[in-house]
């Protein structure tokens, strides 16, 4: 028996939640409209480069 992938586990959790909360599953069109795995908007790398220009310390200071 193989262990399920994280995506399979996530689909299972969502499926159980859908049943428990009695919510409507997204249609095929809504699923197809989602961004592909690993997608990030073009502005993200620019923001990271701009933040890194000021130095490495304040880059994630807001998260601490």
PDB file of N, CA and C in Angstrom:
ATOM      1  N   UNK A   1       0.847  -1.197   0.000  1.00  0.00           N
ATOM      2  CA  UNK A   1       0.000   0.000   0.000  1.00  0.00           C
ATOM      3  C   UNK A   1       0.880   1.243   0.000  1.00  0.00           C
ATOM      4  N   UNK A   2       0.627   2.126  -0.922  1.00  0.00           N
ATOM      5  CA  UNK A   2       1.414   3.349  -1.010  1.00  0.00           C
ATOM      6  C   UNK A   2       0.779   4.444  -0.169  1.00  0.00           C
ATOM      7  N   UNK A   3       1.609   5.344   0.282  1.00  0.00           N
ATOM      8  CA  UNK A   3       1.075   6.469   1.055  1.00  0.00           C
ATOM      9  C   UNK A   3       0.509   7.507   0.091  1.00  0.00           C
ATOM     10  N   UNK A   4      -0.594   8.120   0.458  1.00  0.00           N
ATOM     11  CA  UNK A   4      -1.182   9.119  -0.441  1.00  0.00           C
ATOM     12  C   UNK A   4      -0.322  10.377  -0.509  1.00  0.00           C
ATOM     13  N   UNK A   5      -0.375  11.035  -1.637  1.00  0.00           N
ATOM     14  CA  UNK A   5       0.361  12.279  -1.811  1.00  0.00           C
ATOM     15  C   UNK A   5      -0.352  13.392  -1.043  1.00  0.00           C
ATOM     16  N   UNK A   6       0.338  14.503  -0.808  1.00  0.00           N
ATOM     17  CA  UNK A   6      -0.327  15.619  -0.136  1.00  0.00           C
ATOM     18  C   UNK A   6      -1.571  16.110  -0.887  1.00  0.00           C
ATOM     19  N   UNK A   7      -1.528  16.076  -2.211  1.00  0.00           N
ATOM     20  CA  UNK A   7      -2.696  16.513  -2.993  1.00  0.00           C
ATOM     21  C   UNK A   7      -3.867  15.560  -2.786  1.00  0.00           C
ATOM     22  N   UNK A   8      -3.583  14.261  -2.728  1.00  0.00           N
ATOM     23  CA  UNK A   8      -4.649  13.290  -2.493  1.00  0.00           C
ATOM     24  C   UNK A   8      -5.240  13.454  -1.095  1.00  0.00           C
ATOM     25  N   UNK A   9      -4.375  13.693  -0.112  1.00  0.00           N
ATOM     26  CA  UNK A   9      -4.871  13.917   1.250  1.00  0.00           C
ATOM     27  C   UNK A   9      -5.725  15.174   1.308  1.00  0.00           C
ATOM     28  N   UNK A  10      -5.288  16.234   0.612  1.00  0.00           N
ATOM     29  CA  UNK A  10      -6.057  17.483   0.613  1.00  0.00           C
ATOM     30  C   UNK A  10      -7.426  17.272  -0.028  1.00  0.00           C
ATOM     31  N   UNK A  11      -7.463  16.532  -1.150  1.00  0.00           N
ATOM     32  CA  UNK A  11      -8.756  16.265  -1.796  1.00  0.00           C
ATOM     33  C   UNK A  11      -9.671  15.461  -0.877  1.00  0.00           C
ATOM     34  N   UNK A  12      -9.091  14.525  -0.132  1.00  0.00           N
ATOM     35  CA  UNK A  12      -9.898  13.727   0.798  1.00  0.00           C
ATOM     36  C   UNK A  12     -10.461  14.602   1.920  1.00  0.00           C
ATOM     37  N   UNK A  13      -9.631  15.459   2.478  1.00  0.00           N
ATOM     38  CA  UNK A  13     -10.090  16.348   3.549  1.00  0.00           C
ATOM     39  C   UNK A  13     -11.181  17.279   3.033  1.00  0.00           C
ATOM     40  N   UNK A  14     -10.985  17.814   1.842  1.00  0.00           N
ATOM     41  CA  UNK A  14     -11.998  18.705   1.263  1.00  0.00           C
ATOM     42  C   UNK A  14     -13.293  17.929   1.022  1.00  0.00           C
ATOM     43  N   UNK A  15     -13.175  16.702   0.523  1.00  0.00           N
ATOM     44  CA  UNK A  15     -14.365  15.886   0.294  1.00  0.00           C
ATOM     45  C   UNK A  15     -15.135  15.602   1.571  1.00  0.00           C
ATOM     46  N   UNK A  16     -14.418  15.274   2.645  1.00  0.00           N
ATOM     47  CA  UNK A  16     -15.074  15.018   3.930  1.00  0.00           C
ATOM     48  C   UNK A  16     -15.722  16.302   4.459  1.00  0.00           C
ATOM     49  N   UNK A  17     -15.027  17.420   4.308  1.00  0.00           N
ATOM     50  CA  UNK A  17     -15.571  18.704   4.763  1.00  0.00           C
ATOM     51  C   UNK A  17     -16.825  19.075   3.977  1.00  0.00           C
ATOM     52  N   UNK A  18     -16.801  18.835   2.670  1.00  0.00           N
ATOM     53  CA  UNK A  18     -17.963  19.122   1.823  1.00  0.00           C
ATOM     54  C   UNK A  18     -19.176  18.349   2.315  1.00  0.00           C
ATOM     55  N   UNK A  19     -18.957  17.072   2.645  1.00  0.00           N
ATOM     56  CA  UNK A  19     -20.068  16.244   3.123  1.00  0.00           C
ATOM     57  C   UNK A  19     -20.532  16.711   4.499  1.00  0.00           C
ATOM     58  N   UNK A  20     -19.579  16.978   5.394  1.00  0.00           N
ATOM     59  CA  UNK A  20     -19.936  17.359   6.766  1.00  0.00           C
ATOM     60  C   UNK A  20     -20.657  18.698   6.825  1.00  0.00           C
ATOM     61  N   UNK A  21     -20.211  19.662   6.025  1.00  0.00           N
ATOM     62  CA  UNK A  21     -20.788  21.003   6.067  1.00  0.00           C
ATOM     63  C   UNK A  21     -21.892  21.183   5.047  1.00  0.00           C
ATOM     64  N   UNK A  22     -22.116  20.179   4.208  1.00  0.00           N
ATOM     65  CA  UNK A  22     -23.155  20.212   3.190  1.00  0.00           C
ATOM     66  C   UNK A  22     -23.006  21.441   2.274  1.00  0.00           C
ATOM     67  N   UNK A  23     -21.794  21.595   1.748  1.00  0.00           N
ATOM     68  CA  UNK A  23     -21.541  22.682   0.803  1.00  0.00           C
ATOM     69  C   UNK A  23     -21.425  22.108  -0.600  1.00  0.00           C
ATOM     70  N   UNK A  24     -21.614  22.967  -1.585  1.00  0.00           N
ATOM     71  CA  UNK A  24     -21.567  22.539  -2.971  1.00  0.00           C
ATOM     72  C   UNK A  24     -20.116  22.472  -3.433  1.00  0.00           C
ATOM     73  N   UNK A  25     -19.753  21.378  -4.084  1.00  0.00           N
ATOM     74  CA  UNK A  25     -18.408  21.247  -4.641  1.00  0.00           C
ATOM     75  C   UNK A  25     -18.253  22.199  -5.822  1.00  0.00           C
ATOM     76  N   UNK A  26     -17.023  22.673  -6.066  1.00  0.00           N
ATOM     77  CA  UNK A  26     -16.817  23.520  -7.237  1.00  0.00           C
ATOM     78  C   UNK A  26     -17.018  22.723  -8.521  1.00  0.00           C
ATOM     79  N   UNK A  27     -17.580  23.368  -9.503  1.00  0.00           N
ATOM     80  CA  UNK A  27     -17.802  22.707 -10.783  1.00  0.00           C
ATOM     81  C   UNK A  27     -16.507  22.528 -11.554  1.00  0.00           C
ATOM     82  N   UNK A  28     -16.571  21.804 -12.648  1.00  0.00           N
ATOM     83  CA  UNK A  28     -15.387  21.535 -13.461  1.00  0.00           C
ATOM     84  C   UNK A  28     -14.800  22.829 -14.005  1.00  0.00           C
ATOM     85  N   UNK A  29     -15.650  23.778 -14.353  1.00  0.00           N
ATOM     86  CA  UNK A  29     -15.176  25.053 -14.888  1.00  0.00           C
ATOM     87  C   UNK A  29     -14.405  25.833 -13.818  1.00  0.00           C
ATOM     88  N   UNK A  30     -14.915  25.832 -12.590  1.00  0.00           N
ATOM     89  CA  UNK A  30     -14.239  26.539 -11.500  1.00  0.00           C
ATOM     90  C   UNK A  30     -12.893  25.901 -11.188  1.00  0.00           C
ATOM     91  N   UNK A  31     -12.813  24.590 -11.229  1.00  0.00           N
ATOM     92  CA  UNK A  31     -11.543  23.901 -10.977  1.00  0.00           C
ATOM     93  C   UNK A  31     -10.549  24.207 -12.090  1.00  0.00           C
ATOM     94  N   UNK A  32     -11.014  24.216 -13.331  1.00  0.00           N
ATOM     95  CA  UNK A  32     -10.133  24.491 -14.465  1.00  0.00           C
ATOM     96  C   UNK A  32      -9.640  25.932 -14.467  1.00  0.00           C
ATOM     97  N   UNK A  33     -10.389  26.820 -13.858  1.00  0.00           N
ATOM     98  CA  UNK A  33     -10.043  28.234 -13.846  1.00  0.00           C
ATOM     99  C   UNK A  33      -8.937  28.557 -12.836  1.00  0.00           C
ATOM    100  N   UNK A  34      -8.729  27.654 -11.880  1.00  0.00           N
ATOM    101  CA  UNK A  34      -7.723  27.896 -10.844  1.00  0.00           C
ATOM    102  C   UNK A  34      -6.330  27.973 -11.438  1.00  0.00           C
ATOM    103  N   UNK A  35      -5.454  28.682 -10.750  1.00  0.00           N
ATOM    104  CA  UNK A  35      -4.073  28.792 -11.211  1.00  0.00           C
ATOM    105  C   UNK A  35      -3.363  27.455 -11.043  1.00  0.00           C
ATOM    106  N   UNK A  36      -2.426  27.141 -11.932  1.00  0.00           N
ATOM    107  CA  UNK A  36      -1.692  25.889 -11.807  1.00  0.00           C
ATOM    108  C   UNK A  36      -0.800  25.887 -10.566  1.00  0.00           C
ATOM    109  N   UNK A  37      -0.428  24.699 -10.112  1.00  0.00           N
ATOM    110  CA  UNK A  37       0.429  24.561  -8.939  1.00  0.00           C
ATOM    111  C   UNK A  37       1.751  25.277  -9.179  1.00  0.00           C
ATOM    112  N   UNK A  38       2.178  26.054  -8.220  1.00  0.00           N
ATOM    113  CA  UNK A  38       3.444  26.754  -8.334  1.00  0.00           C
ATOM    114  C   UNK A  38       3.335  28.112  -8.998  1.00  0.00           C
ATOM    115  N   UNK A  39       2.156  28.508  -9.400  1.00  0.00           N
ATOM    116  CA  UNK A  39       1.984  29.798 -10.059  1.00  0.00           C
ATOM    117  C   UNK A  39       2.155  30.920  -9.053  1.00  0.00           C
ATOM    118  N   UNK A  40       2.837  31.947  -9.468  1.00  0.00           N
ATOM    119  CA  UNK A  40       2.890  33.153  -8.655  1.00  0.00           C
ATOM    120  C   UNK A  40       2.865  34.348  -9.601  1.00  0.00           C
ATOM    121  N   UNK A  41       2.171  35.403  -9.229  1.00  0.00           N
ATOM    122  CA  UNK A  41       2.085  36.566 -10.101  1.00  0.00           C
ATOM    123  C   UNK A  41       3.462  37.155 -10.380  1.00  0.00           C
ATOM    124  N   UNK A  42       3.588  37.851 -11.506  1.00  0.00           N
ATOM    125  CA  UNK A  42       4.868  38.428 -11.908  1.00  0.00           C
ATOM    126  C   UNK A  42       5.359  39.487 -10.926  1.00  0.00           C
ATOM    127  N   UNK A  43       4.452  40.096 -10.183  1.00  0.00           N
ATOM    128  CA  UNK A  43       4.872  41.157  -9.270  1.00  0.00           C
ATOM    129  C   UNK A  43       5.593  40.621  -8.035  1.00  0.00           C
ATOM    130  N   UNK A  44       5.430  39.347  -7.709  1.00  0.00           N
ATOM    131  CA  UNK A  44       6.048  38.786  -6.500  1.00  0.00           C
ATOM    132  C   UNK A  44       7.570  38.826  -6.579  1.00  0.00           C
ATOM    133  N   UNK A  45       8.195  38.332  -7.662  1.00  0.00           N
ATOM    134  CA  UNK A  45       9.661  38.415  -7.709  1.00  0.00           C
ATOM    135  C   UNK A  45      10.169  39.857  -7.671  1.00  0.00           C
ATOM    136  N   UNK A  46       9.437  40.761  -8.308  1.00  0.00           N
ATOM    137  CA  UNK A  46       9.856  42.172  -8.273  1.00  0.00           C
ATOM    138  C   UNK A  46       9.819  42.711  -6.860  1.00  0.00           C
ATOM    139  N   UNK A  47       8.771  42.389  -6.117  1.00  0.00           N
ATOM    140  CA  UNK A  47       8.675  42.855  -4.733  1.00  0.00           C
ATOM    141  C   UNK A  47       9.792  42.276  -3.875  1.00  0.00           C
ATOM    142  N   UNK A  48      10.091  40.994  -4.077  1.00  0.00           N
ATOM    143  CA  UNK A  48      11.163  40.370  -3.306  1.00  0.00           C
ATOM    144  C   UNK A  48      12.514  40.998  -3.624  1.00  0.00           C
ATOM    145  N   UNK A  49      12.776  41.275  -4.908  1.00  0.00           N
ATOM    146  CA  UNK A  49      14.039  41.930  -5.270  1.00  0.00           C
ATOM    147  C   UNK A  49      14.113  43.335  -4.688  1.00  0.00           C
ATOM    148  N   UNK A  50      12.995  44.054  -4.726  1.00  0.00           N
ATOM    149  CA  UNK A  50      12.990  45.413  -4.172  1.00  0.00           C
ATOM    150  C   UNK A  50      13.211  45.381  -2.665  1.00  0.00           C
ATOM    151  N   UNK A  51      12.618  44.422  -1.981  1.00  0.00           N
ATOM    152  CA  UNK A  51      12.794  44.316  -0.533  1.00  0.00           C
ATOM    153  C   UNK A  51      14.226  43.906  -0.196  1.00  0.00           C
ATOM    154  N   UNK A  52      14.815  43.030  -1.010  1.00  0.00           N
ATOM    155  CA  UNK A  52      16.180  42.584  -0.758  1.00  0.00           C
ATOM    156  C   UNK A  52      17.187  43.701  -0.992  1.00  0.00           C
ATOM    157  N   UNK A  53      16.830  44.693  -1.803  1.00  0.00           N
ATOM    158  CA  UNK A  53      17.741  45.804  -2.069  1.00  0.00           C
ATOM    159  C   UNK A  53      17.997  46.619  -0.809  1.00  0.00           C
ATOM    160  N   UNK A  54      17.065  46.604   0.125  1.00  0.00           N
ATOM    161  CA  UNK A  54      17.240  47.360   1.364  1.00  0.00           C
ATOM    162  C   UNK A  54      18.046  46.590   2.399  1.00  0.00           C
ATOM    163  N   UNK A  55      18.318  45.341   2.164  1.00  0.00           N
ATOM    164  CA  UNK A  55      19.101  44.524   3.091  1.00  0.00           C
ATOM    165  C   UNK A  55      18.330  43.302   3.509  1.00  0.00           C
ATOM    166  N   UNK A  56      19.023  42.265   3.942  1.00  0.00           N
ATOM    167  CA  UNK A  56      18.333  41.018   4.282  1.00  0.00           C
ATOM    168  C   UNK A  56      17.539  41.049   5.579  1.00  0.00           C
ATOM    169  N   UNK A  57      17.895  41.898   6.519  1.00  0.00           N
ATOM    170  CA  UNK A  57      17.249  41.856   7.844  1.00  0.00           C
ATOM    171  C   UNK A  57      15.762  42.220   7.808  1.00  0.00           C
ATOM    172  N   UNK A  58      15.349  43.316   7.191  1.00  0.00           N
ATOM    173  CA  UNK A  58      13.932  43.684   7.267  1.00  0.00           C
ATOM    174  C   UNK A  58      13.037  42.924   6.311  1.00  0.00           C
ATOM    175  N   UNK A  59      13.605  41.965   5.555  1.00  0.00           N
ATOM    176  CA  UNK A  59      12.821  41.272   4.538  1.00  0.00           C
ATOM    177  C   UNK A  59      11.607  40.577   5.120  1.00  0.00           C
ATOM    178  N   UNK A  60      11.772  39.819   6.217  1.00  0.00           N
ATOM    179  CA  UNK A  60      10.669  39.096   6.825  1.00  0.00           C
ATOM    180  C   UNK A  60      10.417  39.546   8.264  1.00  0.00           C
ATOM    181  N   UNK A  61      10.846  40.711   8.601  1.00  0.00           N
ATOM    182  CA  UNK A  61      10.712  41.171   9.985  1.00  0.00           C
ATOM    183  C   UNK A  61       9.248  41.215  10.418  1.00  0.00           C
ATOM    184  N   UNK A  62       8.337  41.480   9.496  1.00  0.00           N
ATOM    185  CA  UNK A  62       6.930  41.561   9.845  1.00  0.00           C
ATOM    186  C   UNK A  62       6.369  40.205  10.264  1.00  0.00           C
ATOM    187  N   UNK A  63       7.006  39.107   9.839  1.00  0.00           N
ATOM    188  CA  UNK A  63       6.497  37.781  10.149  1.00  0.00           C
ATOM    189  C   UNK A  63       6.931  37.288  11.529  1.00  0.00           C
ATOM    190  N   UNK A  64       7.921  37.940  12.094  1.00  0.00           N
ATOM    191  CA  UNK A  64       8.433  37.455  13.368  1.00  0.00           C
ATOM    192  C   UNK A  64       7.631  38.067  14.442  1.00  0.00           C
TER     193      UNK A  64
END
